[in-house]
Protein backbone atom coordinates (compact mmCIF):
# COMPACT_ATOMS: atom_id res chain seq x y z
CA UNK A 1 12.19 11.63 2.18
CA UNK A 2 8.81 10.07 3.25
CA UNK A 3 9.24 6.63 4.82
CA UNK A 4 12.13 4.49 5.84
CA UNK A 5 15.60 4.83 3.67
CA UNK A 6 15.91 1.03 4.49
CA UNK A 7 12.25 0.32 2.43
CA UNK A 8 13.42 2.26 -0.25
CA UNK A 9 16.68 0.73 -0.64
CA UNK A 10 15.18 -2.54 -1.19
CA UNK A 11 12.36 -1.74 -3.35
CA UNK A 12 15.60 0.03 -5.51
CA UNK A 13 17.23 -3.21 -5.23
CA UNK A 14 14.36 -5.29 -6.61
CA UNK A 15 13.35 -2.65 -9.49
CA UNK A 16 16.74 -1.93 -10.43
CA UNK A 17 16.71 1.85 -10.22
CA UNK A 18 16.40 4.53 -7.54
CA UNK A 19 13.24 4.98 -5.29
CA UNK A 20 12.58 7.51 -3.52
CA UNK A 21 9.91 6.22 -0.95
CA UNK A 22 8.74 2.45 0.00
CA UNK A 23 6.03 1.38 2.44
CA UNK A 24 4.65 -1.99 3.00
CA UNK A 25 1.05 -2.24 2.06
CA UNK A 26 -1.68 -4.77 2.74
CA UNK A 27 -5.14 -5.41 0.69
CA UNK A 28 -8.20 -3.64 2.00
CA UNK A 29 -9.35 -4.85 5.39
CA UNK A 30 -6.11 -6.81 5.62
CA UNK A 31 -4.59 -4.80 8.58
CA UNK A 32 -8.00 -4.75 10.73
CA UNK A 33 -7.95 -9.00 9.76
CA UNK A 34 -4.35 -9.15 11.15
CA UNK A 35 -5.75 -7.26 14.51
CA UNK A 36 -8.70 -8.97 14.50
CA UNK A 37 -7.26 -12.51 14.71
CA UNK A 38 -4.69 -11.57 17.34
CA UNK A 39 -7.46 -9.85 19.31
CA UNK A 40 -9.65 -13.59 19.39
CA UNK A 41 -13.26 -13.90 20.47
CA UNK A 42 -16.40 -12.06 19.04
CA UNK A 43 -14.75 -8.54 18.92
CA UNK A 44 -11.70 -10.07 16.84
CA UNK A 45 -14.40 -12.03 14.86
CA UNK A 46 -16.07 -8.73 13.61
CA UNK A 47 -12.97 -6.70 13.18
CA UNK A 48 -11.52 -9.62 10.93
CA UNK A 49 -14.74 -9.73 8.98
CA UNK A 50 -14.88 -5.95 7.89
CA UNK A 51 -13.73 -5.79 4.23
CA UNK A 52 -15.00 -2.42 3.64
CA UNK A 53 -15.20 -1.02 -0.07
CA UNK A 54 -14.42 -2.71 -3.21
CA UNK A 55 -10.88 -4.86 -2.97
CA UNK A 56 -9.91 -3.16 -6.43
CA UNK A 57 -8.35 -5.30 -9.38
CA UNK A 58 -4.76 -5.46 -8.48
CA UNK A 59 -4.71 -8.80 -6.55
CA UNK A 60 -2.94 -7.66 -3.27
CA UNK A 61 -2.01 -10.34 -0.84
CA UNK A 62 -1.99 -10.17 2.88
CA UNK A 63 0.97 -7.99 2.64
CA UNK A 64 3.01 -6.12 -0.14
CA UNK A 65 4.96 -3.18 -0.83
CA UNK A 66 4.70 0.17 -2.76
CA UNK A 67 7.44 1.70 -4.10
CA UNK A 68 7.52 5.25 -5.37
CA UNK A 69 10.10 6.43 -8.03
CA UNK A 70 10.62 9.54 -10.06
CA UNK A 71 7.83 8.78 -12.66
CA UNK A 72 5.84 5.45 -11.70
CA UNK A 73 4.96 3.73 -8.38
CA UNK A 74 4.94 -0.04 -8.25
CA UNK A 75 3.24 -2.97 -6.20
CA UNK A 76 5.10 -6.01 -5.37
CA UNK A 77 4.54 -8.98 -3.52
CA UNK A 78 6.66 -9.61 -0.23
CA UNK A 79 8.90 -12.50 0.69
CA UNK A 80 8.33 -14.87 3.04
CA UNK A 81 11.32 -12.87 4.86
CA UNK A 82 8.93 -9.68 4.57
CA UNK A 83 10.96 -7.90 1.82
CA UNK A 84 9.62 -6.79 -1.47
CA UNK A 85 9.87 -9.61 -4.06
CA UNK A 86 9.14 -10.92 -7.71
CA UNK A 87 7.81 -8.93 -10.67
CA UNK A 88 5.88 -5.98 -9.81
CA UNK A 89 1.91 -6.32 -9.47
CA UNK A 90 1.50 -3.13 -10.98
CA UNK A 91 3.63 -0.19 -12.42
CA UNK A 92 1.42 3.00 -13.19
CA UNK A 93 3.05 6.20 -14.32
CA UNK A 94 1.49 8.88 -12.18
CA UNK A 95 0.31 10.77 -14.87
CA UNK A 96 -1.96 7.65 -15.80
CA UNK A 97 -3.36 8.06 -12.31
CA UNK A 98 -7.00 9.73 -12.50
CA UNK A 99 -7.94 9.76 -9.18
CA UNK A 100 -6.64 9.19 -5.68
CA UNK A 101 -8.72 8.77 -2.58
CA UNK A 102 -7.26 8.58 0.85
CA UNK A 103 -9.67 7.13 3.69
CA UNK A 104 -8.75 7.26 7.33
CA UNK A 105 -9.84 4.51 9.25
CA UNK A 106 -9.22 3.96 13.23
CA UNK A 107 -6.12 2.34 12.26
CA UNK A 108 -5.40 2.25 9.00
CA UNK A 109 -5.21 4.58 6.07
CA UNK A 110 -6.63 3.04 2.65
CA UNK A 111 -5.78 4.42 -1.04
CA UNK A 112 -8.07 4.06 -3.85
CA UNK A 113 -6.26 5.18 -7.31
CA UNK A 114 -8.63 5.07 -10.33
CA UNK A 115 -5.94 4.54 -13.60
CA UNK A 116 -6.77 5.86 -17.15
CA UNK A 117 -6.74 2.10 -18.53
CA UNK A 118 -9.87 1.45 -16.16
CA UNK A 119 -8.06 -0.48 -13.16
CA UNK A 120 -8.97 0.37 -9.65
CA UNK A 121 -6.31 -0.11 -7.24
CA UNK A 122 -6.93 -0.45 -3.44
CA UNK A 123 -4.60 -1.04 -0.38
CA UNK A 124 -4.07 0.04 2.91
CA UNK A 125 -1.44 1.03 5.44
CA UNK A 126 -1.14 1.15 9.37
CA UNK A 127 -1.34 4.73 10.51
CA UNK A 128 -0.48 4.31 14.19
CA UNK A 129 3.33 3.69 15.85
CA UNK A 130 5.64 2.63 12.88
CA UNK A 131 2.80 3.22 10.26
CA UNK A 132 3.38 6.79 10.64
CA UNK A 133 5.91 6.85 7.98
CA UNK A 134 3.82 4.45 5.92
CA UNK A 135 1.37 7.72 5.71
CA UNK A 136 3.93 9.87 4.86
CA UNK A 137 4.59 7.55 1.52
CA UNK A 138 0.67 7.64 0.97
CA UNK A 139 0.83 11.66 1.17
CA UNK A 140 3.92 11.80 -1.42
CA UNK A 141 1.92 9.45 -3.80
CA UNK A 142 -0.93 11.82 -3.87
CA UNK A 143 0.57 14.87 -4.14
CA UNK A 144 2.86 13.25 -7.67
CA UNK A 145 -0.58 12.07 -8.80
CA UNK A 146 -2.31 15.15 -8.59
CA UNK A 147 -0.09 17.76 -9.83
């Protein structure tokens, strides 16, 4: 299984069905902004100001969640306690994803998904330290959308 079992269980509880993999995500540039704010000074401001590519058509907050079921992906908000919460921001069948691009940055892995209905979904995960498990989830997502 990709990612942490605990994360998949939390998403499964929210969605009311089995979730095979899940991970925390952030809006494009969100991880760099968090690190930039923590760094402070001129360097921190430069890191935080880099927004990168298009932010996508689904409004993802500072933090959110990605869950992978057997047939679709779901994006949800995060609660104050850091757990998945609320109605999904997006539910997309793997068959409806027409393009997947994963772009590796210095500290993040960005995902850009093109959906058959014209939406562009963009988010990123931290790819270092504990984030390595999130990279596994994105690799699983890419494999499901390209088969």
